[in-house]
Amino acid sequence: MSTPLGPVDGTVVPRYAGASTFARLPRVDEVDVFDVAVIGAPFDGGVSFRPGARFGPSSIRQASRHLRPAYNPAQDVAPYQVLQAVDAGDVPCNPFDIDAALQQIDDGVTELLASGARPVLLGGDHTIALGGLRAVARTHGPVALIHFDAHLDTWNSYFGADRTHGTVFRRAHEEGLLIQDAGTHVGIRGPLYDARDLTDDARFGFEIVRAEDLDRIGRDEVLDRVRRRVGDAPVYLSIDIDVLDPAFAPGTGTPEMGGLTSRELLALVRALPPEQLVAADLVEVSPPYDHAEITSLAAATLGYEITSLMARADRAAHTQGGEP
């Protein structure tokens, strides 16, 4: 196993200088083979309230300068020494045509998957997940969805549009991209349009873990429920930053009171099954409503934790295969 080309050394080049890539990782054109690719999808044409998530990828990359990415003590892994991670830049999403943008995202993720890499998408609003899921399901078959969010995102349409940030997982279910009865929403809260929203969501094969369930049943039981649903299936992880309480993530399009704390979300993500994770997205960071990079830093840290999960899976695979 060759030594990966890692981020710029923060003890040599200050973190506020140097590359503007995620965690100052090498660009995709600077390496020949890579295991994980961070790719931006700057699209917010599917939002129903506050816009601005098109600026999410650049703000998450900027906030990722805060990271000291060499070693992750919480997961006991030096992620970018174990695997080759790159920043693949941004998909050139069409800002005026949702379907065209989804196809561009699909094409961009498909290209990364063809190279053998696992994609981590930086949104953009949650609509982008449909493009990512289409590409992932074409490669891996239907996947189990682990979805952190304040909202179900299984509504039917907004203003006559059926592919939006609030309908994305209903469409994914209808298109056969998800394994039936293997998906879980975590962090759901707030009022709904109708009680039938819950009935529809259950019919699509999802289980709901509400935000207050963390207080009622505890983190371990929440994780057990997620793992039981997933089984041994390939996992697509989707994190809407509004799963966090607005105190921890004010810069988002549809904030809801009563959300998770940063510490709670980090603990849940770190405990997910690393060997099953084939792709992920981080969405709904809206910098115009952020303050002091609070929301962007949360997303950047989550991106680092996701790549650390993938590194743990690679380390275990190399160890089982007899490699150092």
Protein backbone atom coordinates (compact mmCIF):
# COMPACT_ATOMS: atom_id res chain seq x y z
CA MET A 1 0.00 0.00 0.00
CA SER A 2 1.58 3.29 -1.06
CA THR A 3 1.63 6.32 1.24
CA PRO A 4 -1.27 8.65 0.34
CA LEU A 5 -0.72 12.28 -0.52
CA GLY A 6 -2.29 14.02 2.43
CA PRO A 7 -3.40 17.54 3.36
CA VAL A 8 -1.03 20.48 3.59
CA ASP A 9 0.92 20.32 6.88
CA GLY A 10 -0.58 22.90 9.22
CA THR A 11 2.67 23.18 11.17
CA VAL A 12 4.48 24.29 8.00
CA VAL A 13 1.81 26.29 6.14
CA PRO A 14 -0.65 28.11 8.44
CA ARG A 15 -4.20 26.87 8.22
CA TYR A 16 -5.45 30.20 6.90
CA ALA A 17 -3.10 29.89 3.91
CA GLY A 18 -2.44 27.34 1.20
CA ALA A 19 -4.90 25.20 -0.70
CA SER A 20 -8.62 26.08 -0.64
CA THR A 21 -9.72 22.46 -0.99
CA PHE A 22 -11.61 20.56 1.70
CA ALA A 23 -9.21 20.12 4.65
CA ARG A 24 -6.52 21.30 2.19
CA LEU A 25 -6.52 17.87 0.57
CA PRO A 26 -4.93 17.41 -2.86
CA ARG A 27 -7.06 18.14 -5.91
CA VAL A 28 -8.34 15.19 -7.90
CA ASP A 29 -5.97 16.00 -10.76
CA GLU A 30 -2.94 15.81 -8.46
CA VAL A 31 -3.17 12.05 -7.81
CA ASP A 32 -3.63 9.03 -10.06
CA VAL A 33 -5.69 6.78 -7.76
CA PHE A 34 -7.91 7.76 -4.87
CA ASP A 35 -10.27 6.11 -2.40
CA VAL A 36 -12.53 8.97 -1.30
CA ALA A 37 -13.55 12.12 -3.16
CA VAL A 38 -15.19 15.18 -1.68
CA ILE A 39 -17.30 16.88 -4.37
CA GLY A 40 -19.40 20.01 -4.19
CA ALA A 41 -22.94 20.33 -5.55
CA PRO A 42 -23.69 24.07 -5.34
CA PHE A 43 -27.40 23.95 -6.09
CA ASP A 44 -30.32 25.45 -4.16
CA GLY A 45 -33.06 25.57 -6.77
CA GLY A 46 -35.17 23.11 -4.79
CA VAL A 47 -35.56 25.07 -1.54
CA SER A 48 -38.96 25.96 -0.12
CA PHE A 49 -37.96 28.71 2.32
CA ARG A 50 -34.55 30.41 2.76
CA PRO A 51 -32.07 30.14 -0.14
CA GLY A 52 -28.28 30.32 -0.05
CA ALA A 53 -27.18 26.68 0.07
CA ARG A 54 -25.55 27.09 -3.34
CA PHE A 55 -22.76 28.77 -1.38
CA GLY A 56 -22.50 25.81 1.00
CA PRO A 57 -19.61 23.91 -0.63
CA SER A 58 -17.28 26.91 -0.65
CA SER A 59 -18.16 27.86 2.94
CA ILE A 60 -17.66 24.29 4.17
CA ARG A 61 -14.26 24.18 2.49
CA GLN A 62 -13.33 27.51 4.07
CA ALA A 63 -14.40 26.30 7.52
CA SER A 64 -12.45 23.07 7.05
CA ARG A 65 -9.28 25.14 7.43
CA HIS A 66 -10.04 24.99 11.15
CA LEU A 67 -9.45 21.25 11.16
CA ARG A 68 -6.28 19.53 12.30
CA PRO A 69 -6.87 16.56 10.03
CA ALA A 70 -3.77 14.44 10.68
CA TYR A 71 -5.19 12.31 13.50
CA ASN A 72 -8.75 11.78 14.71
CA PRO A 73 -8.56 10.70 18.38
CA ALA A 74 -12.33 10.11 18.66
CA GLN A 75 -12.10 7.38 15.99
CA ASP A 76 -8.44 6.49 16.62
CA VAL A 77 -7.45 6.84 12.99
CA ALA A 78 -5.19 9.03 10.86
CA PRO A 79 -7.67 9.09 7.97
CA TYR A 80 -5.54 10.64 5.26
CA GLN A 81 -2.63 8.33 5.99
CA VAL A 82 -4.88 5.28 5.62
CA LEU A 83 -6.68 6.29 2.44
CA GLN A 84 -6.13 8.65 -0.46
CA ALA A 85 -8.71 11.39 -0.25
CA VAL A 86 -9.08 14.19 -2.78
CA ASP A 87 -11.20 17.23 -3.46
CA ALA A 88 -12.92 16.76 -6.81
CA GLY A 89 -14.13 20.35 -7.06
CA ASP A 90 -17.72 21.28 -7.83
CA VAL A 91 -20.32 19.88 -10.18
CA PRO A 92 -21.36 22.74 -12.54
CA CYS A 93 -25.02 22.59 -11.46
CA ASN A 94 -27.54 24.36 -13.69
CA PRO A 95 -29.19 26.95 -11.38
CA PHE A 96 -32.35 27.23 -13.49
CA ASP A 97 -33.22 23.59 -14.24
CA ILE A 98 -33.64 21.05 -11.43
CA ASP A 99 -33.59 18.01 -13.69
CA ALA A 100 -30.52 19.23 -15.56
CA ALA A 101 -28.72 19.83 -12.27
CA LEU A 102 -29.66 16.38 -10.99
CA GLN A 103 -28.27 14.82 -14.16
CA GLN A 104 -25.03 16.78 -13.76
CA ILE A 105 -24.72 15.53 -10.18
CA ASP A 106 -25.50 11.99 -11.30
CA ASP A 107 -22.80 12.23 -13.99
CA GLY A 108 -20.22 13.66 -11.60
CA VAL A 109 -20.80 11.02 -8.93
CA THR A 110 -20.93 8.25 -11.53
CA GLU A 111 -17.48 9.26 -12.76
CA LEU A 112 -16.07 9.10 -9.24
CA LEU A 113 -17.68 5.73 -8.54
CA ALA A 114 -16.25 4.36 -11.79
CA SER A 115 -12.79 5.19 -10.49
CA GLY A 116 -13.48 3.10 -7.38
CA ALA A 117 -13.87 6.06 -5.04
CA ARG A 118 -16.53 6.72 -2.41
CA PRO A 119 -18.10 10.14 -2.88
CA VAL A 120 -18.87 12.65 -0.13
CA LEU A 121 -21.14 15.36 -1.54
CA LEU A 122 -21.19 18.86 -0.12
CA GLY A 123 -24.49 20.63 -0.77
CA GLY A 124 -26.36 22.49 -1.85
CA ASP A 125 -29.93 21.82 -0.78
CA HIS A 126 -31.23 18.32 -0.14
CA THR A 127 -32.45 17.93 -3.72
CA ILE A 128 -28.87 16.98 -4.66
CA ALA A 129 -29.22 13.66 -2.81
CA LEU A 130 -31.42 12.33 -5.60
CA GLY A 131 -28.63 12.75 -8.14
CA GLY A 132 -26.17 11.09 -5.79
CA LEU A 133 -28.49 8.20 -4.99
CA ARG A 134 -29.21 7.52 -8.66
CA ALA A 135 -25.49 7.13 -9.35
CA VAL A 136 -24.82 5.08 -6.22
CA ALA A 137 -27.75 2.70 -6.81
CA ARG A 138 -26.60 2.14 -10.40
CA THR A 139 -23.23 0.99 -9.02
CA HIS A 140 -24.18 -0.77 -5.77
CA GLY A 141 -27.85 -1.55 -6.27
CA PRO A 142 -30.49 -0.19 -3.87
CA VAL A 143 -29.01 1.07 -0.61
CA ALA A 144 -30.04 1.48 3.01
CA LEU A 145 -30.54 5.12 3.90
CA ILE A 146 -29.41 6.64 7.20
CA HIS A 147 -30.91 10.11 7.19
CA PHE A 148 -30.20 12.79 9.81
CA ASP A 149 -32.68 15.64 9.44
CA ALA A 150 -35.33 17.75 11.15
CA HIS A 151 -37.71 16.87 8.30
CA LEU A 152 -38.93 13.69 6.62
CA ASP A 153 -38.32 14.90 3.04
CA THR A 154 -40.91 12.42 1.79
CA TRP A 155 -43.61 14.89 0.74
CA ASN A 156 -45.07 14.64 -2.73
CA SER A 157 -44.56 18.09 -4.25
CA TYR A 158 -44.04 21.77 -3.64
CA PHE A 159 -45.90 24.21 -5.90
CA GLY A 160 -46.27 21.53 -8.57
CA ALA A 161 -42.58 20.56 -8.52
CA ASP A 162 -41.96 16.94 -7.55
CA ARG A 163 -38.18 17.02 -7.27
CA THR A 164 -37.31 19.39 -4.44
CA HIS A 165 -35.47 19.31 -1.14
CA GLY A 166 -38.65 18.17 0.65
CA THR A 167 -39.58 15.37 -1.75
CA VAL A 168 -36.22 13.77 -2.43
CA PHE A 169 -36.66 10.49 -0.53
CA ARG A 170 -40.19 9.90 -1.79
CA ARG A 171 -38.77 10.08 -5.32
CA ALA A 172 -35.85 7.85 -4.32
CA HIS A 173 -38.30 5.26 -3.00
CA GLU A 174 -40.43 5.44 -6.15
CA GLU A 175 -37.36 5.03 -8.36
CA GLY A 176 -36.25 1.90 -6.48
CA LEU A 177 -33.03 3.46 -5.21
CA LEU A 178 -33.61 2.45 -1.58
CA ILE A 179 -33.97 -0.92 0.10
CA GLN A 180 -37.51 -1.26 1.43
CA ASP A 181 -37.74 -1.12 5.24
CA ALA A 182 -34.02 -0.41 5.67
CA GLY A 183 -34.16 3.37 6.02
CA THR A 184 -34.21 5.49 9.17
CA HIS A 185 -34.80 9.19 9.73
CA VAL A 186 -33.02 10.48 12.84
CA GLY A 187 -33.69 13.84 14.48
CA ILE A 188 -37.19 14.47 13.10
CA ARG A 189 -39.19 17.20 14.84
CA GLY A 190 -41.52 20.09 14.24
CA PRO A 191 -45.05 20.33 12.85
CA LEU A 192 -46.24 18.62 9.66
CA TYR A 193 -48.61 19.54 6.87
CA ASP A 194 -50.93 16.63 7.70
CA ALA A 195 -51.04 13.52 9.91
CA ARG A 196 -51.01 11.48 6.69
CA ASP A 197 -47.39 12.55 6.21
CA LEU A 198 -46.45 9.96 8.84
CA THR A 199 -48.60 7.28 7.24
CA ASP A 200 -47.04 7.89 3.84
CA ASP A 201 -43.53 7.85 5.29
CA ALA A 202 -44.12 4.47 6.96
CA ARG A 203 -45.54 3.12 3.70
CA PHE A 204 -42.31 4.08 1.96
CA GLY A 205 -40.41 1.88 4.41
CA PHE A 206 -38.88 4.38 6.81
CA GLU A 207 -38.62 4.33 10.59
CA ILE A 208 -38.64 7.65 12.43
CA VAL A 209 -36.41 8.42 15.40
CA ARG A 210 -37.55 11.78 16.71
CA ALA A 211 -35.13 14.25 18.27
CA GLU A 212 -36.73 13.82 21.69
CA ASP A 213 -36.23 10.05 21.44
CA LEU A 214 -32.57 10.63 22.23
CA ASP A 215 -33.64 11.85 25.67
CA ARG A 216 -36.26 9.13 26.10
CA ILE A 217 -34.43 5.98 24.95
CA GLY A 218 -30.80 7.12 24.78
CA ARG A 219 -28.09 7.12 22.15
CA ASP A 220 -27.29 3.40 22.29
CA GLU A 221 -30.88 2.37 21.60
CA VAL A 222 -31.10 4.86 18.73
CA LEU A 223 -27.96 3.34 17.21
CA ASP A 224 -29.28 -0.19 17.73
CA ARG A 225 -32.46 0.71 15.85
CA VAL A 226 -30.45 2.15 12.97
CA ARG A 227 -28.17 -0.90 12.80
CA ARG A 228 -31.06 -3.35 12.91
CA ARG A 229 -32.74 -1.58 10.02
CA VAL A 230 -29.57 -1.45 7.94
CA GLY A 231 -28.51 -5.04 8.50
CA ASP A 232 -25.53 -5.80 6.28
CA ALA A 233 -26.67 -3.64 3.33
CA PRO A 234 -24.62 -0.91 1.66
CA VAL A 235 -25.34 2.44 3.32
CA TYR A 236 -25.92 5.91 1.93
CA LEU A 237 -25.58 8.50 4.68
CA SER A 238 -27.41 11.80 4.25
CA ILE A 239 -26.97 14.60 6.80
CA ASP A 240 -29.08 17.72 6.61
CA ILE A 241 -27.36 20.24 8.86
CA ASP A 242 -30.75 21.32 10.22
CA VAL A 243 -30.82 18.11 12.26
CA LEU A 244 -28.83 20.26 14.66
CA ASP A 245 -30.67 22.76 16.81
CA PRO A 246 -30.48 26.32 15.40
CA ALA A 247 -28.25 27.17 18.34
CA PHE A 248 -25.61 24.92 16.77
CA ALA A 249 -26.49 25.47 13.09
CA PRO A 250 -28.25 28.78 12.45
CA GLY A 251 -27.11 28.96 8.83
CA THR A 252 -29.68 26.75 7.17
CA GLY A 253 -32.81 27.14 5.09
CA THR A 254 -35.51 25.59 7.29
CA PRO A 255 -34.40 25.63 10.95
CA GLU A 256 -36.47 23.84 13.61
CA MET A 257 -36.26 24.28 17.37
CA GLY A 258 -35.46 21.33 19.62
CA GLY A 259 -32.72 19.71 17.58
CA LEU A 260 -29.63 17.68 18.35
CA THR A 261 -26.53 19.19 19.89
CA SER A 262 -23.24 19.05 18.03
CA ARG A 263 -21.88 16.55 20.53
CA GLU A 264 -24.90 14.26 20.13
CA LEU A 265 -24.66 14.26 16.34
CA LEU A 266 -20.92 13.63 16.32
CA ALA A 267 -21.34 10.68 18.69
CA LEU A 268 -24.05 9.15 16.51
CA VAL A 269 -22.09 9.55 13.29
CA ARG A 270 -18.90 8.12 14.79
CA ALA A 271 -20.79 4.98 15.85
CA LEU A 272 -22.22 4.16 12.40
CA PRO A 273 -21.04 0.95 10.62
CA PRO A 274 -17.94 2.10 8.69
CA GLU A 275 -17.54 -0.97 6.47
CA GLN A 276 -20.99 -0.49 4.88
CA LEU A 277 -20.70 3.19 4.02
CA VAL A 278 -20.51 3.62 0.24
CA ALA A 279 -21.42 7.32 -0.10
CA ALA A 280 -22.59 10.33 1.88
CA ASP A 281 -23.84 13.86 1.56
CA LEU A 282 -23.87 16.96 3.78
CA VAL A 283 -26.52 19.46 2.78
CA GLU A 284 -28.47 22.64 3.55
CA VAL A 285 -25.64 24.85 4.81
CA SER A 286 -26.74 28.40 3.93
CA PRO A 287 -23.88 30.81 4.68
CA PRO A 288 -25.96 34.03 4.40
CA TYR A 289 -27.74 32.98 7.62
CA ASP A 290 -24.61 31.75 9.38
CA HIS A 291 -22.61 33.53 12.05
CA ALA A 292 -18.88 33.11 12.68
CA GLU A 293 -18.84 29.98 10.48
CA ILE A 294 -20.75 28.02 13.18
CA THR A 295 -22.80 26.02 10.70
CA SER A 296 -20.04 25.62 8.14
CA LEU A 297 -17.65 24.40 10.82
CA ALA A 298 -20.23 21.83 11.95
CA ALA A 299 -20.52 20.54 8.38
CA ALA A 300 -16.75 20.55 7.84
CA THR A 301 -16.24 18.55 11.03
CA LEU A 302 -18.91 16.07 9.99
CA GLY A 303 -17.20 15.69 6.61
CA TYR A 304 -13.99 14.87 8.43
CA GLU A 305 -15.78 12.32 10.63
CA ILE A 306 -17.34 10.68 7.56
CA THR A 307 -13.97 10.30 5.83
CA SER A 308 -12.58 8.97 9.11
CA LEU A 309 -15.29 6.28 9.11
CA MET A 310 -14.26 5.33 5.59
CA ALA A 311 -10.62 5.21 6.66
CA ARG A 312 -11.49 2.87 9.52
CA ALA A 313 -13.17 0.53 7.05
CA ASP A 314 -10.12 0.59 4.78
CA ARG A 315 -7.76 -0.02 7.70
CA ALA A 316 -9.79 -3.04 8.79
CA ALA A 317 -9.84 -4.39 5.25
CA HIS A 318 -6.08 -3.98 4.84
CA THR A 319 -5.46 -5.67 8.20
CA GLN A 320 -7.67 -8.63 7.28
CA GLY A 321 -5.89 -8.86 3.95
CA GLY A 322 -2.52 -9.07 5.64
CA GLU A 323 -1.35 -5.62 4.64
CA PRO A 324 0.15 -3.21 7.18
